Amino acid sequence: MIFLAGRDRYTQRTLLRAVHTRLRKQPGCEDVRYHPSRRRPRYVIANVHPPTFRSASYDVESARLEIRFWYPVGVDHEYYRINWVEPTRNLMLGFHQDADHPDLGPCHIQLNHEDAPVDRYEVAFLDAHPLAVLDHRLKQLATALEAIAWESETPSLPIGSL
């Protein structure tokens, strides 16, 4: 069991339970579940009705949120992936705080289309409780989704759109 200083002694499982509870209260989120299972959660996944989630019209009728927080050894903050996935358009937009792209700093936003990265930009590191980070990033997701530009059926995320 790993305990984090300054993070209310959360473990990964406890945090994912809190994320699950938070998403069950989020307008537009349905069928909130753990992956791979409740006993061994690694992600929290929710089906999303985009117009309700965003409080605005949207081009697709269904999407999915995939949220993962984890605590790597030797790092003084949590890692996370907060992804918006649209299977019908093969689109993924997500905030990632991990070590995958050190040239972008500790946190970045990434847009994928057809299973390949289209845009990736550094975003501000949030030194806050993980649930506060989740709330902030969910609000930013709505802004970023609105900013996506489509040209010849290819999306792009204009730099500075957050």
C-alpha atoms as a PDB file:
ATOM      1  CA  MET A   1       0.000   0.000   0.000  1.00  0.00           C
ATOM      2  CA  ILE A   2       1.395   3.398  -1.011  1.00  0.00           C
ATOM      3  CA  PHE A   3       0.507   6.542   0.926  1.00  0.00           C
ATOM      4  CA  LEU A   4       1.036  10.014  -0.492  1.00  0.00           C
ATOM      5  CA  ALA A   5       2.132  12.943   1.606  1.00  0.00           C
ATOM      6  CA  GLY A   6      -0.237  15.868   1.174  1.00  0.00           C
ATOM      7  CA  ARG A   7      -2.833  13.804  -0.671  1.00  0.00           C
ATOM      8  CA  ASP A   8      -5.061  12.737   2.222  1.00  0.00           C
ATOM      9  CA  ARG A   9      -3.340   9.343   2.451  1.00  0.00           C
ATOM     10  CA  TYR A  10      -5.037   8.161  -0.719  1.00  0.00           C
ATOM     11  CA  THR A  11      -4.219   4.829  -2.231  1.00  0.00           C
ATOM     12  CA  GLN A  12      -4.890   4.184  -5.893  1.00  0.00           C
ATOM     13  CA  ARG A  13      -7.953   2.085  -5.088  1.00  0.00           C
ATOM     14  CA  THR A  14      -9.377   4.695  -2.688  1.00  0.00           C
ATOM     15  CA  LEU A  15      -8.817   7.443  -5.230  1.00  0.00           C
ATOM     16  CA  LEU A  16     -10.458   5.488  -8.041  1.00  0.00           C
ATOM     17  CA  ARG A  17     -13.460   4.859  -5.796  1.00  0.00           C
ATOM     18  CA  ALA A  18     -13.720   8.618  -5.233  1.00  0.00           C
ATOM     19  CA  VAL A  19     -13.425   9.198  -9.003  1.00  0.00           C
ATOM     20  CA  HIS A  20     -16.185   6.623  -9.565  1.00  0.00           C
ATOM     21  CA  THR A  21     -18.447   8.409  -7.076  1.00  0.00           C
ATOM     22  CA  ARG A  22     -17.640  11.794  -8.652  1.00  0.00           C
ATOM     23  CA  LEU A  23     -18.486  10.599 -12.184  1.00  0.00           C
ATOM     24  CA  ARG A  24     -21.755   9.017 -11.041  1.00  0.00           C
ATOM     25  CA  LYS A  25     -22.831  12.549 -10.047  1.00  0.00           C
ATOM     26  CA  GLN A  26     -21.611  14.172 -13.291  1.00  0.00           C
ATOM     27  CA  PRO A  27     -24.446  15.120 -15.658  1.00  0.00           C
ATOM     28  CA  GLY A  28     -24.219  13.092 -18.853  1.00  0.00           C
ATOM     29  CA  CYS A  29     -22.181  10.233 -17.347  1.00  0.00           C
ATOM     30  CA  GLU A  30     -23.815   6.813 -17.345  1.00  0.00           C
ATOM     31  CA  ASP A  31     -22.723   3.231 -16.729  1.00  0.00           C
ATOM     32  CA  VAL A  32     -19.750   4.285 -14.582  1.00  0.00           C
ATOM     33  CA  ARG A  33     -17.562   1.249 -13.991  1.00  0.00           C
ATOM     34  CA  TYR A  34     -14.124   0.018 -13.011  1.00  0.00           C
ATOM     35  CA  HIS A  35     -11.698  -1.621 -15.401  1.00  0.00           C
ATOM     36  CA  PRO A  36     -10.663  -4.394 -15.299  1.00  0.00           C
ATOM     37  CA  SER A  37     -12.812  -5.004 -12.185  1.00  0.00           C
ATOM     38  CA  ARG A  38     -14.053  -3.448  -8.953  1.00  0.00           C
ATOM     39  CA  ARG A  39     -11.648  -5.649  -6.985  1.00  0.00           C
ATOM     40  CA  ARG A  40      -8.614  -4.632  -9.060  1.00  0.00           C
ATOM     41  CA  PRO A  41      -9.421  -1.198 -10.479  1.00  0.00           C
ATOM     42  CA  ARG A  42      -6.926   0.491 -12.795  1.00  0.00           C
ATOM     43  CA  TYR A  43      -9.314   2.806 -14.651  1.00  0.00           C
ATOM     44  CA  VAL A  44     -12.731   4.298 -14.138  1.00  0.00           C
ATOM     45  CA  ILE A  45     -14.754   4.363 -17.351  1.00  0.00           C
ATOM     46  CA  ALA A  46     -18.049   6.126 -18.009  1.00  0.00           C
ATOM     47  CA  ASN A  47     -20.289   6.289 -21.056  1.00  0.00           C
ATOM     48  CA  VAL A  48     -21.094   9.911 -21.817  1.00  0.00           C
ATOM     49  CA  HIS A  49     -23.981  11.687 -23.493  1.00  0.00           C
ATOM     50  CA  PRO A  50     -21.976  14.687 -24.842  1.00  0.00           C
ATOM     51  CA  PRO A  51     -24.786  17.281 -25.070  1.00  0.00           C
ATOM     52  CA  THR A  52     -25.690  16.708 -21.408  1.00  0.00           C
ATOM     53  CA  PHE A  53     -22.056  16.544 -20.261  1.00  0.00           C
ATOM     54  CA  ARG A  54     -21.139  19.767 -22.091  1.00  0.00           C
ATOM     55  CA  SER A  55     -24.502  21.560 -21.597  1.00  0.00           C
ATOM     56  CA  ALA A  56     -24.366  22.293 -25.326  1.00  0.00           C
ATOM     57  CA  SER A  57     -25.054  20.566 -28.629  1.00  0.00           C
ATOM     58  CA  TYR A  58     -22.347  18.295 -29.983  1.00  0.00           C
ATOM     59  CA  ASP A  59     -21.660  16.363 -33.195  1.00  0.00           C
ATOM     60  CA  VAL A  60     -21.747  12.867 -31.691  1.00  0.00           C
ATOM     61  CA  GLU A  61     -24.347  11.217 -29.480  1.00  0.00           C
ATOM     62  CA  SER A  62     -22.037   9.077 -27.367  1.00  0.00           C
ATOM     63  CA  ALA A  63     -18.514   9.174 -26.019  1.00  0.00           C
ATOM     64  CA  ARG A  64     -16.558   7.663 -23.172  1.00  0.00           C
ATOM     65  CA  LEU A  65     -14.412   8.998 -20.330  1.00  0.00           C
ATOM     66  CA  GLU A  66     -11.446   6.855 -19.314  1.00  0.00           C
ATOM     67  CA  ILE A  67      -9.708   8.013 -16.160  1.00  0.00           C
ATOM     68  CA  ARG A  68      -6.626   6.578 -14.536  1.00  0.00           C
ATOM     69  CA  PHE A  69      -4.543   7.840 -11.617  1.00  0.00           C
ATOM     70  CA  TRP A  70      -1.435   6.041 -10.397  1.00  0.00           C
ATOM     71  CA  TYR A  71       1.552   6.661  -8.161  1.00  0.00           C
ATOM     72  CA  PRO A  72       4.940   5.797  -9.645  1.00  0.00           C
ATOM     73  CA  VAL A  73       7.800   5.064  -7.282  1.00  0.00           C
ATOM     74  CA  GLY A  74      10.289   7.903  -6.962  1.00  0.00           C
ATOM     75  CA  VAL A  75       7.918  10.637  -8.173  1.00  0.00           C
ATOM     76  CA  ASP A  76       6.469  13.182  -5.744  1.00  0.00           C
ATOM     77  CA  HIS A  77       3.128  13.584  -7.535  1.00  0.00           C
ATOM     78  CA  GLU A  78       0.498  11.345  -9.048  1.00  0.00           C
ATOM     79  CA  TYR A  79       0.347  10.466 -12.719  1.00  0.00           C
ATOM     80  CA  TYR A  80      -2.950  10.493 -14.560  1.00  0.00           C
ATOM     81  CA  ARG A  81      -4.700  10.136 -17.871  1.00  0.00           C
ATOM     82  CA  ILE A  82      -8.070  11.771 -18.313  1.00  0.00           C
ATOM     83  CA  ASN A  83      -9.261  10.786 -21.783  1.00  0.00           C
ATOM     84  CA  TRP A  84     -12.359  11.649 -23.807  1.00  0.00           C
ATOM     85  CA  VAL A  85     -12.889   8.916 -26.397  1.00  0.00           C
ATOM     86  CA  GLU A  86     -15.264   9.028 -29.372  1.00  0.00           C
ATOM     87  CA  PRO A  87     -15.279   5.565 -30.968  1.00  0.00           C
ATOM     88  CA  THR A  88     -17.468   6.605 -33.922  1.00  0.00           C
ATOM     89  CA  ARG A  89     -14.904   9.225 -35.030  1.00  0.00           C
ATOM     90  CA  ASN A  90     -11.869   7.289 -33.725  1.00  0.00           C
ATOM     91  CA  LEU A  91     -10.947  10.385 -31.692  1.00  0.00           C
ATOM     92  CA  MET A  92      -9.231  10.692 -28.320  1.00  0.00           C
ATOM     93  CA  LEU A  93      -8.555  13.925 -26.457  1.00  0.00           C
ATOM     94  CA  GLY A  94      -6.801  13.639 -23.138  1.00  0.00           C
ATOM     95  CA  PHE A  95      -4.828  15.260 -20.383  1.00  0.00           C
ATOM     96  CA  HIS A  96      -1.794  13.183 -19.479  1.00  0.00           C
ATOM     97  CA  GLN A  97       0.509  13.704 -16.520  1.00  0.00           C
ATOM     98  CA  ASP A  98       3.241  11.133 -16.915  1.00  0.00           C
ATOM     99  CA  ALA A  99       6.806  10.688 -18.116  1.00  0.00           C
ATOM    100  CA  ASP A 100       5.948   9.815 -21.732  1.00  0.00           C
ATOM    101  CA  HIS A 101       6.934  13.152 -23.298  1.00  0.00           C
ATOM    102  CA  PRO A 102       9.547  14.902 -21.138  1.00  0.00           C
ATOM    103  CA  ASP A 103      10.026  17.580 -23.806  1.00  0.00           C
ATOM    104  CA  LEU A 104       6.485  18.793 -22.964  1.00  0.00           C
ATOM    105  CA  GLY A 105       7.033  18.965 -19.216  1.00  0.00           C
ATOM    106  CA  PRO A 106       5.140  16.917 -16.662  1.00  0.00           C
ATOM    107  CA  CYS A 107       1.680  17.428 -18.201  1.00  0.00           C
ATOM    108  CA  HIS A 108       0.286  17.700 -21.721  1.00  0.00           C
ATOM    109  CA  ILE A 109      -2.918  17.598 -23.715  1.00  0.00           C
ATOM    110  CA  GLN A 110      -3.007  15.172 -26.612  1.00  0.00           C
ATOM    111  CA  LEU A 111      -5.359  14.756 -29.562  1.00  0.00           C
ATOM    112  CA  ASN A 112      -5.354  11.414 -31.405  1.00  0.00           C
ATOM    113  CA  HIS A 113      -7.268  10.539 -34.557  1.00  0.00           C
ATOM    114  CA  GLU A 114      -7.281   7.175 -36.296  1.00  0.00           C
ATOM    115  CA  ASP A 115      -5.128   5.849 -33.401  1.00  0.00           C
ATOM    116  CA  ALA A 116      -2.270   8.282 -34.086  1.00  0.00           C
ATOM    117  CA  PRO A 117      -1.273  11.533 -32.359  1.00  0.00           C
ATOM    118  CA  VAL A 118      -2.359  14.658 -34.234  1.00  0.00           C
ATOM    119  CA  ASP A 119      -1.470  17.389 -31.721  1.00  0.00           C
ATOM    120  CA  ARG A 120       0.264  17.431 -28.362  1.00  0.00           C
ATOM    121  CA  TYR A 121       0.934  20.522 -26.204  1.00  0.00           C
ATOM    122  CA  GLU A 122       2.285  21.267 -22.769  1.00  0.00           C
ATOM    123  CA  VAL A 123      -0.324  22.331 -20.195  1.00  0.00           C
ATOM    124  CA  ALA A 124       0.073  23.687 -16.693  1.00  0.00           C
ATOM    125  CA  PHE A 125       1.010  21.277 -13.939  1.00  0.00           C
ATOM    126  CA  LEU A 126      -1.676  21.381 -11.238  1.00  0.00           C
ATOM    127  CA  ASP A 127      -0.299  20.874  -7.751  1.00  0.00           C
ATOM    128  CA  ALA A 128      -3.638  20.039  -6.164  1.00  0.00           C
ATOM    129  CA  HIS A 129      -5.594  17.164  -4.712  1.00  0.00           C
ATOM    130  CA  PRO A 130      -6.370  14.591  -7.447  1.00  0.00           C
ATOM    131  CA  LEU A 131     -10.136  15.209  -7.268  1.00  0.00           C
ATOM    132  CA  ALA A 132      -9.548  18.953  -7.691  1.00  0.00           C
ATOM    133  CA  VAL A 133      -7.327  18.139 -10.680  1.00  0.00           C
ATOM    134  CA  LEU A 134     -10.099  15.946 -12.119  1.00  0.00           C
ATOM    135  CA  ASP A 135     -12.706  18.708 -11.744  1.00  0.00           C
ATOM    136  CA  HIS A 136     -10.401  21.249 -13.397  1.00  0.00           C
ATOM    137  CA  ARG A 137      -9.469  18.953 -16.279  1.00  0.00           C
ATOM    138  CA  LEU A 138     -13.106  17.981 -16.943  1.00  0.00           C
ATOM    139  CA  LYS A 139     -13.931  21.689 -17.347  1.00  0.00           C
ATOM    140  CA  GLN A 140     -10.929  22.110 -19.649  1.00  0.00           C
ATOM    141  CA  LEU A 141     -12.042  19.095 -21.698  1.00  0.00           C
ATOM    142  CA  ALA A 142     -15.278  20.884 -22.593  1.00  0.00           C
ATOM    143  CA  THR A 143     -13.295  23.940 -23.748  1.00  0.00           C
ATOM    144  CA  ALA A 144     -10.802  21.824 -25.717  1.00  0.00           C
ATOM    145  CA  LEU A 145     -13.575  19.814 -27.402  1.00  0.00           C
ATOM    146  CA  GLU A 146     -15.161  23.041 -28.594  1.00  0.00           C
ATOM    147  CA  ALA A 147     -11.808  24.229 -29.949  1.00  0.00           C
ATOM    148  CA  ILE A 148     -11.146  21.182 -32.147  1.00  0.00           C
ATOM    149  CA  ALA A 149     -11.072  22.235 -35.790  1.00  0.00           C
ATOM    150  CA  TRP A 150     -11.995  19.769 -38.535  1.00  0.00           C
ATOM    151  CA  GLU A 151     -10.553  20.137 -42.025  1.00  0.00           C
ATOM    152  CA  SER A 152     -11.013  17.423 -44.664  1.00  0.00           C
ATOM    153  CA  GLU A 153     -12.228  15.048 -41.942  1.00  0.00           C
ATOM    154  CA  THR A 154      -9.005  15.515 -39.948  1.00  0.00           C
ATOM    155  CA  PRO A 155      -9.114  17.162 -36.511  1.00  0.00           C
ATOM    156  CA  SER A 156      -6.599  19.575 -35.043  1.00  0.00           C
ATOM    157  CA  LEU A 157      -6.326  21.343 -31.730  1.00  0.00           C
ATOM    158  CA  PRO A 158      -5.179  24.930 -32.197  1.00  0.00           C
ATOM    159  CA  ILE A 159      -2.322  25.859 -29.889  1.00  0.00           C
ATOM    160  CA  GLY A 160      -3.434  28.104 -27.039  1.00  0.00           C
ATOM    161  CA  SER A 161      -7.028  26.873 -27.224  1.00  0.00           C
ATOM    162  CA  LEU A 162      -7.218  26.325 -23.469  1.00  0.00           C
END
